[in-house]
Amino acid sequence: SSGINAEYGVVSTQSTGERVLCLEAWREFEMKHGSATTQNSIAQKMPRRVKKRRKIDVEEGGEGGWEEYWDYIFPDTEANSSNLKLLQMAKMWKKQQEESSDEDEEGEEEEEEEKEEKEETEEKEETE
């Protein structure tokens, strides 16, 4: 029960740094007092540390360059981001399908109008 409450507190923490510190403290506690199951559980929640680059903004219009920094990627947010990416791709595919079907329908309507005009001209020719 306390593990669930602690996990909720860690996940609801907004700052990445605070979240990492909480998880590290929790891991230390589990290493001293926890079972193999709880130790494995917290190990799976630990983030990966990755080096990233971002452009430095300079107010004076000069060249700022790039800054390297360390960021953390948490397993739960990584899974969510890949699901979101998949969802975005699915929405784009659906939109493309709808656009292509709209174009097909317009083409079919034009073909029907041409057929009707052709039939009308044929009927006129037959009556004359």
C-alpha atoms as a PDB file:
ATOM      1  CA  SER A   1       0.000   0.000   0.000  1.00  0.00           C
ATOM      2  CA  SER A   2       2.794   2.449   0.873  1.00  0.00           C
ATOM      3  CA  GLY A   3       4.487   1.610  -2.435  1.00  0.00           C
ATOM      4  CA  ILE A   4       1.401   2.701  -4.337  1.00  0.00           C
ATOM      5  CA  ASN A   5       1.202   5.996  -2.434  1.00  0.00           C
ATOM      6  CA  ALA A   6       4.918   6.622  -2.927  1.00  0.00           C
ATOM      7  CA  GLU A   7       4.639   5.860  -6.629  1.00  0.00           C
ATOM      8  CA  TYR A   8       1.726   8.281  -6.996  1.00  0.00           C
ATOM      9  CA  GLY A   9       3.745  10.990  -5.253  1.00  0.00           C
ATOM     10  CA  VAL A  10       6.747  10.410  -7.494  1.00  0.00           C
ATOM     11  CA  VAL A  11       4.742  10.408 -10.717  1.00  0.00           C
ATOM     12  CA  SER A  12       2.739  13.483  -9.751  1.00  0.00           C
ATOM     13  CA  THR A  13       5.955  15.439  -9.084  1.00  0.00           C
ATOM     14  CA  GLN A  14       6.275  17.992 -11.872  1.00  0.00           C
ATOM     15  CA  SER A  15      10.031  18.602 -11.840  1.00  0.00           C
ATOM     16  CA  THR A  16      12.195  15.992 -13.530  1.00  0.00           C
ATOM     17  CA  GLY A  17      14.998  16.608 -11.044  1.00  0.00           C
ATOM     18  CA  GLU A  18      12.681  16.137  -8.065  1.00  0.00           C
ATOM     19  CA  ARG A  19      11.273  12.987  -9.594  1.00  0.00           C
ATOM     20  CA  VAL A  20      14.764  11.536 -10.099  1.00  0.00           C
ATOM     21  CA  LEU A  21      15.760  12.375  -6.509  1.00  0.00           C
ATOM     22  CA  CYS A  22      12.599  10.734  -5.154  1.00  0.00           C
ATOM     23  CA  LEU A  23      13.156   7.605  -7.208  1.00  0.00           C
ATOM     24  CA  GLU A  24      16.810   7.373  -6.128  1.00  0.00           C
ATOM     25  CA  ALA A  25      15.840   7.703  -2.455  1.00  0.00           C
ATOM     26  CA  TRP A  26      13.122   5.101  -2.939  1.00  0.00           C
ATOM     27  CA  ARG A  27      15.622   2.760  -4.634  1.00  0.00           C
ATOM     28  CA  GLU A  28      18.092   3.165  -1.742  1.00  0.00           C
ATOM     29  CA  PHE A  29      15.318   2.367   0.732  1.00  0.00           C
ATOM     30  CA  GLU A  30      14.307  -0.749  -1.220  1.00  0.00           C
ATOM     31  CA  MET A  31      17.937  -1.901  -1.415  1.00  0.00           C
ATOM     32  CA  LYS A  32      18.186  -1.786   2.393  1.00  0.00           C
ATOM     33  CA  HIS A  33      14.709  -2.907   3.430  1.00  0.00           C
ATOM     34  CA  GLY A  34      12.882  -4.295   0.405  1.00  0.00           C
ATOM     35  CA  SER A  35      12.474  -7.695  -1.164  1.00  0.00           C
ATOM     36  CA  ALA A  36      13.849  -8.754  -4.542  1.00  0.00           C
ATOM     37  CA  THR A  37      10.423  -8.071  -6.069  1.00  0.00           C
ATOM     38  CA  THR A  38      10.225  -4.496  -4.790  1.00  0.00           C
ATOM     39  CA  GLN A  39      13.855  -3.858  -5.755  1.00  0.00           C
ATOM     40  CA  ASN A  40      13.132  -5.070  -9.281  1.00  0.00           C
ATOM     41  CA  SER A  41       9.975  -2.954  -9.401  1.00  0.00           C
ATOM     42  CA  ILE A  42      11.796   0.269  -8.554  1.00  0.00           C
ATOM     43  CA  ALA A  43      14.646  -0.590 -10.930  1.00  0.00           C
ATOM     44  CA  GLN A  44      12.120  -0.715 -13.778  1.00  0.00           C
ATOM     45  CA  LYS A  45      10.877   2.783 -12.864  1.00  0.00           C
ATOM     46  CA  MET A  46      14.330   4.392 -13.016  1.00  0.00           C
ATOM     47  CA  PRO A  47      14.901   6.783 -15.918  1.00  0.00           C
ATOM     48  CA  ARG A  48      17.560   6.586 -18.599  1.00  0.00           C
ATOM     49  CA  ARG A  49      20.006   9.487 -18.630  1.00  0.00           C
ATOM     50  CA  VAL A  50      20.540  10.878 -22.136  1.00  0.00           C
ATOM     51  CA  LYS A  51      22.655  13.722 -23.494  1.00  0.00           C
ATOM     52  CA  LYS A  52      20.721  16.249 -25.582  1.00  0.00           C
ATOM     53  CA  ARG A  53      21.557  19.468 -27.418  1.00  0.00           C
ATOM     54  CA  ARG A  54      19.601  22.681 -27.617  1.00  0.00           C
ATOM     55  CA  LYS A  55      20.244  25.935 -29.421  1.00  0.00           C
ATOM     56  CA  ILE A  56      21.283  28.860 -27.251  1.00  0.00           C
ATOM     57  CA  ASP A  57      19.184  31.986 -27.812  1.00  0.00           C
ATOM     58  CA  VAL A  58      21.125  35.225 -27.792  1.00  0.00           C
ATOM     59  CA  GLU A  59      19.223  38.504 -27.437  1.00  0.00           C
ATOM     60  CA  GLU A  60      21.743  40.628 -29.318  1.00  0.00           C
ATOM     61  CA  GLY A  61      21.345  38.680 -32.539  1.00  0.00           C
ATOM     62  CA  GLY A  62      24.758  37.077 -32.257  1.00  0.00           C
ATOM     63  CA  GLU A  63      25.469  33.461 -32.814  1.00  0.00           C
ATOM     64  CA  GLY A  64      24.568  31.498 -29.705  1.00  0.00           C
ATOM     65  CA  GLY A  65      25.735  28.047 -30.617  1.00  0.00           C
ATOM     66  CA  TRP A  66      24.600  24.811 -29.019  1.00  0.00           C
ATOM     67  CA  GLU A  67      24.416  23.697 -25.423  1.00  0.00           C
ATOM     68  CA  GLU A  68      24.660  20.085 -24.338  1.00  0.00           C
ATOM     69  CA  TYR A  69      22.690  18.978 -21.311  1.00  0.00           C
ATOM     70  CA  TRP A  70      21.579  15.809 -19.576  1.00  0.00           C
ATOM     71  CA  ASP A  71      17.941  14.822 -19.570  1.00  0.00           C
ATOM     72  CA  TYR A  72      16.049  11.875 -18.138  1.00  0.00           C
ATOM     73  CA  ILE A  73      13.635   9.663 -20.031  1.00  0.00           C
ATOM     74  CA  PHE A  74      11.251   7.819 -17.765  1.00  0.00           C
ATOM     75  CA  PRO A  75       9.892   4.432 -18.876  1.00  0.00           C
ATOM     76  CA  ASP A  76       6.258   5.455 -18.333  1.00  0.00           C
ATOM     77  CA  THR A  77       6.547   8.684 -20.339  1.00  0.00           C
ATOM     78  CA  GLU A  78       8.572   6.960 -23.047  1.00  0.00           C
ATOM     79  CA  ALA A  79       5.774   4.404 -23.522  1.00  0.00           C
ATOM     80  CA  ASN A  80       3.189   7.194 -23.618  1.00  0.00           C
ATOM     81  CA  SER A  81       5.142   9.186 -26.185  1.00  0.00           C
ATOM     82  CA  SER A  82       5.473   6.208 -28.529  1.00  0.00           C
ATOM     83  CA  ASN A  83       1.736   5.566 -28.200  1.00  0.00           C
ATOM     84  CA  LEU A  84       1.039   9.227 -28.938  1.00  0.00           C
ATOM     85  CA  LYS A  85       3.265   9.081 -31.990  1.00  0.00           C
ATOM     86  CA  LEU A  86       1.410   6.015 -33.226  1.00  0.00           C
ATOM     87  CA  LEU A  87      -1.912   7.757 -32.614  1.00  0.00           C
ATOM     88  CA  GLN A  88      -0.753  10.836 -34.538  1.00  0.00           C
ATOM     89  CA  MET A  89       0.351   8.677 -37.448  1.00  0.00           C
ATOM     90  CA  ALA A  90      -3.018   6.889 -37.455  1.00  0.00           C
ATOM     91  CA  LYS A  91      -4.883  10.209 -37.508  1.00  0.00           C
ATOM     92  CA  MET A  92      -2.742  11.452 -40.395  1.00  0.00           C
ATOM     93  CA  TRP A  93      -3.413   8.228 -42.325  1.00  0.00           C
ATOM     94  CA  LYS A  94      -7.164   8.543 -41.720  1.00  0.00           C
ATOM     95  CA  LYS A  95      -7.115  12.169 -42.877  1.00  0.00           C
ATOM     96  CA  GLN A  96      -5.253  11.174 -46.050  1.00  0.00           C
ATOM     97  CA  GLN A  97      -7.769   8.399 -46.684  1.00  0.00           C
ATOM     98  CA  GLU A  98     -10.674  10.806 -46.259  1.00  0.00           C
ATOM     99  CA  GLU A  99      -9.050  13.340 -48.592  1.00  0.00           C
ATOM    100  CA  SER A 100      -8.405  10.723 -51.253  1.00  0.00           C
ATOM    101  CA  SER A 101     -11.960   9.371 -50.939  1.00  0.00           C
ATOM    102  CA  ASP A 102     -13.320  12.932 -51.286  1.00  0.00           C
ATOM    103  CA  GLU A 103     -11.308  13.341 -54.469  1.00  0.00           C
ATOM    104  CA  ASP A 104     -12.580   9.974 -55.721  1.00  0.00           C
ATOM    105  CA  GLU A 105     -16.178  10.984 -55.009  1.00  0.00           C
ATOM    106  CA  GLU A 106     -15.713  14.265 -56.890  1.00  0.00           C
ATOM    107  CA  GLY A 107     -14.303  12.348 -59.832  1.00  0.00           C
ATOM    108  CA  GLU A 108     -17.215   9.889 -59.727  1.00  0.00           C
ATOM    109  CA  GLU A 109     -19.740  12.752 -59.657  1.00  0.00           C
ATOM    110  CA  GLU A 110     -18.115  14.328 -62.700  1.00  0.00           C
ATOM    111  CA  GLU A 111     -18.201  10.981 -64.508  1.00  0.00           C
ATOM    112  CA  GLU A 112     -21.909  10.564 -63.685  1.00  0.00           C
ATOM    113  CA  GLU A 113     -22.683  14.059 -64.965  1.00  0.00           C
ATOM    114  CA  GLU A 114     -20.802  13.331 -68.181  1.00  0.00           C
ATOM    115  CA  LYS A 115     -22.742  10.053 -68.613  1.00  0.00           C
ATOM    116  CA  GLU A 116     -26.055  11.843 -68.073  1.00  0.00           C
ATOM    117  CA  GLU A 117     -25.141  14.558 -70.585  1.00  0.00           C
ATOM    118  CA  LYS A 118     -24.081  11.916 -73.083  1.00  0.00           C
ATOM    119  CA  GLU A 119     -27.338   9.996 -72.598  1.00  0.00           C
ATOM    120  CA  GLU A 120     -29.356  13.190 -73.019  1.00  0.00           C
ATOM    121  CA  THR A 121     -27.563  14.044 -76.257  1.00  0.00           C
ATOM    122  CA  GLU A 122     -28.083  10.481 -77.510  1.00  0.00           C
ATOM    123  CA  GLU A 123     -31.815  10.671 -76.704  1.00  0.00           C
ATOM    124  CA  LYS A 124     -32.088  13.991 -78.532  1.00  0.00           C
ATOM    125  CA  GLU A 125     -30.326  12.530 -81.530  1.00  0.00           C
ATOM    126  CA  GLU A 126     -32.702   9.539 -81.567  1.00  0.00           C
ATOM    127  CA  THR A 127     -35.809  11.742 -81.430  1.00  0.00           C
ATOM    128  CA  GLU A 128     -34.591  13.917 -84.286  1.00  0.00           C
END
